[in-house]
Amino acid sequence: MTDPTTPCPTVPGPLVLGWRERLALPQLGIAQLKAKLDTGARSSALHVETLESFLRDGVVWLRFTVRTGRQSSHEVQCEARALDRRVVTDTGGRRTERWFIRSEILLAGRRFMADINLTDRRHMLFPMLLGRSALHGRFVVDPARAYTQPRLPLAATDHP
C-alpha cells in the first residue's frame, strides 16, 4: 500500500509554496514585491499610496503609486484599466467598496491573471496579499515554509 502523504511523481499537481513569497506584477512594471499567501482571504489586495480614477477613451482607468518595499523609498507609478468596484469584508469584519484591476502575476515561474483590489495596507507587513481565488488550482500553501522561490530577476517585467 502506498503512503497517502507521498505525492505521485507521474501526476502533476499544484506547486507547494510558503506562506510568504516574492512575486512580480509585470504589467504594472513591478519586478519584485513581497506577498503574503493567504488561503483565508478570497481576493487579492495590493497596497497603494495614492489612487485616482480617470477616463481614457470613455473607459475608467486607475492611476496609483505602489511602494515596492516596506521601508523602501522606491515607488512605482502605475496605470491599469478598472475592472470594477466591489464590496470587500476585511479581517475585522469591516465592509468597504474597493477598486479592482486584473493584472498578470509572475510567481514561481508561472504567469497567470488575477483580480486585485487596491487598498491601504500600510499597517500590514506585506504590500500584497494573494488570496485563494488566485491560488486555487495553481499553488498549495505550506504555512511552515517561507520564501521557497529564488529572488526574481530584474527582467521579470519583460513580456515573453
Protein backbone atom coordinates (compact mmCIF):
# COMPACT_ATOMS: atom_id res chain seq x y z
CA MET A 1 0.00 0.00 0.00
CA THR A 2 1.27 3.50 -0.82
CA ASP A 3 1.73 6.22 1.75
CA PRO A 4 -1.11 8.75 1.07
CA THR A 5 1.15 11.66 2.04
CA THR A 6 3.72 10.85 -0.65
CA PRO A 7 2.92 12.65 -3.92
CA CYS A 8 2.72 10.53 -7.03
CA PRO A 9 5.56 11.65 -9.35
CA THR A 10 3.57 10.92 -12.52
CA VAL A 11 0.56 13.08 -11.63
CA PRO A 12 1.30 16.82 -11.81
CA GLY A 13 -0.32 18.92 -9.13
CA PRO A 14 -0.19 22.37 -7.67
CA LEU A 15 3.21 23.68 -6.63
CA VAL A 16 3.81 23.95 -2.86
CA LEU A 17 4.83 27.43 -1.72
CA GLY A 18 5.37 29.08 1.63
CA TRP A 19 3.06 31.49 3.43
CA ARG A 20 5.15 34.40 2.13
CA GLU A 21 6.83 34.65 -1.26
CA ARG A 22 8.19 37.18 -3.75
CA LEU A 23 6.22 37.84 -6.92
CA ALA A 24 6.19 40.28 -9.83
CA LEU A 25 3.41 42.30 -11.42
CA PRO A 26 4.86 42.67 -14.95
CA GLN A 27 2.02 44.72 -16.45
CA LEU A 28 2.43 47.28 -13.68
CA GLY A 29 6.22 47.48 -14.01
CA ILE A 30 6.82 45.88 -10.59
CA ALA A 31 9.78 43.49 -10.79
CA GLN A 32 9.56 42.19 -7.24
CA LEU A 33 7.17 42.52 -4.32
CA LYS A 34 6.79 40.57 -1.10
CA ALA A 35 3.39 38.94 -0.72
CA LYS A 36 1.52 37.01 1.94
CA LEU A 37 -0.22 33.95 0.51
CA ASP A 38 -3.49 33.81 2.41
CA THR A 39 -5.92 30.95 1.88
CA GLY A 40 -8.33 32.62 4.31
CA ALA A 41 -8.77 35.67 2.07
CA ARG A 42 -10.96 35.33 -1.01
CA SER A 43 -9.50 38.18 -3.04
CA SER A 44 -6.01 39.54 -3.57
CA ALA A 45 -5.09 43.02 -2.38
CA LEU A 46 -2.32 45.47 -3.28
CA HIS A 47 -1.23 48.39 -1.11
CA VAL A 48 -1.36 51.71 -2.96
CA GLU A 49 -0.05 55.03 -1.68
CA THR A 50 -2.22 57.14 -3.97
CA LEU A 51 -5.23 56.28 -6.11
CA GLU A 52 -7.19 58.28 -8.65
CA SER A 53 -9.65 57.32 -11.36
CA PHE A 54 -9.79 58.95 -14.78
CA LEU A 55 -11.39 58.41 -18.17
CA ARG A 56 -9.40 57.28 -21.20
CA ASP A 57 -11.40 56.86 -24.41
CA GLY A 58 -14.60 56.61 -22.36
CA VAL A 59 -13.22 53.82 -20.14
CA VAL A 60 -12.39 54.15 -16.42
CA TRP A 61 -8.70 53.76 -15.65
CA LEU A 62 -6.87 53.95 -12.34
CA ARG A 63 -3.59 55.73 -11.63
CA PHE A 64 -1.85 54.67 -8.43
CA THR A 65 1.50 54.53 -6.67
CA VAL A 66 2.99 51.31 -5.26
CA ARG A 67 5.86 51.28 -2.77
CA THR A 68 7.82 48.12 -3.54
CA GLY A 69 9.21 47.61 -0.04
CA ARG A 70 8.01 48.31 3.48
CA GLN A 71 10.85 50.73 4.20
CA SER A 72 11.74 51.37 0.59
CA SER A 73 11.53 54.83 -0.81
CA HIS A 74 11.23 53.27 -4.29
CA GLU A 75 7.76 53.97 -5.66
CA VAL A 76 6.32 52.78 -8.94
CA GLN A 77 3.72 54.88 -10.75
CA CYS A 78 1.12 52.54 -12.26
CA GLU A 79 -1.91 52.74 -14.52
CA ALA A 80 -4.42 49.99 -15.12
CA ARG A 81 -7.89 49.70 -16.56
CA ALA A 82 -10.50 49.49 -13.80
CA LEU A 83 -12.22 46.13 -13.70
CA ASP A 84 -14.99 47.18 -11.31
CA ARG A 85 -15.77 48.22 -7.75
CA ARG A 86 -16.73 45.56 -5.23
CA VAL A 87 -17.54 45.40 -1.55
CA VAL A 88 -14.79 43.62 0.40
CA THR A 89 -15.03 42.46 4.02
CA ASP A 90 -11.69 42.71 5.83
CA THR A 91 -10.46 40.51 8.70
CA GLY A 92 -12.06 42.87 11.21
CA GLY A 93 -15.49 42.45 9.57
CA ARG A 94 -15.49 45.97 8.09
CA ARG A 95 -17.05 46.24 4.64
CA THR A 96 -15.60 48.74 2.16
CA GLU A 97 -16.02 49.31 -1.54
CA ARG A 98 -12.73 48.94 -3.41
CA TRP A 99 -11.47 49.34 -6.95
CA PHE A 100 -10.36 46.13 -8.67
CA ILE A 101 -7.97 45.64 -11.56
CA ARG A 102 -7.00 42.49 -13.44
CA SER A 103 -3.26 42.05 -13.79
CA GLU A 104 -0.69 39.42 -14.64
CA ILE A 105 1.23 37.88 -11.75
CA LEU A 106 4.55 36.09 -12.05
CA LEU A 107 5.12 33.67 -9.18
CA ALA A 108 7.34 30.58 -9.03
CA GLY A 109 7.95 30.72 -12.77
CA ARG A 110 4.23 30.74 -13.56
CA ARG A 111 2.34 33.61 -15.19
CA PHE A 112 -1.37 34.00 -14.58
CA MET A 113 -4.05 36.68 -14.41
CA ALA A 114 -5.78 37.64 -11.18
CA ASP A 115 -8.26 40.21 -9.91
CA ILE A 116 -6.59 42.51 -7.38
CA ASN A 117 -8.20 45.13 -5.18
CA LEU A 118 -6.35 48.37 -4.49
CA THR A 119 -6.35 49.46 -0.86
CA ASP A 120 -4.40 50.94 2.03
CA ARG A 121 -2.28 48.18 3.61
CA ARG A 122 0.29 50.47 5.25
CA HIS A 123 -0.25 48.84 8.64
CA MET A 124 0.23 45.35 7.23
CA LEU A 125 3.57 43.54 6.98
CA PHE A 126 3.26 42.80 3.27
CA PRO A 127 2.28 45.20 0.48
CA MET A 128 0.41 42.41 -1.30
CA LEU A 129 -1.92 39.68 -0.20
CA LEU A 130 -2.53 36.83 -2.64
CA GLY A 131 -5.92 35.31 -1.88
CA ARG A 132 -7.38 31.89 -2.54
CA SER A 133 -9.05 32.89 -5.83
CA ALA A 134 -5.59 33.47 -7.33
CA LEU A 135 -4.04 30.45 -5.59
CA HIS A 136 -6.76 27.91 -6.44
CA GLY A 137 -5.59 25.11 -8.70
CA ARG A 138 -2.10 26.61 -9.04
CA PHE A 139 -0.47 26.51 -5.63
CA VAL A 140 -0.72 24.85 -2.24
CA VAL A 141 0.43 26.88 0.77
CA ASP A 142 2.56 25.21 3.43
CA PRO A 143 2.40 27.52 6.49
CA ALA A 144 5.66 26.05 7.80
CA ARG A 145 7.57 27.34 4.75
CA ALA A 146 8.51 30.83 3.55
CA TYR A 147 10.34 32.26 0.53
CA THR A 148 10.70 28.92 -1.23
CA GLN A 149 11.49 30.58 -4.56
CA PRO A 150 14.68 32.43 -5.52
CA ARG A 151 14.64 36.21 -5.82
CA LEU A 152 13.16 37.35 -9.11
CA PRO A 153 15.49 38.75 -11.77
CA LEU A 154 15.08 42.43 -12.63
CA ALA A 155 13.88 41.35 -16.08
CA ALA A 156 10.75 39.82 -14.53
CA THR A 157 8.72 42.66 -16.01
CA ASP A 158 9.69 41.72 -19.58
CA HIS A 159 6.89 40.16 -21.57
CA PRO A 160 7.55 36.82 -23.31
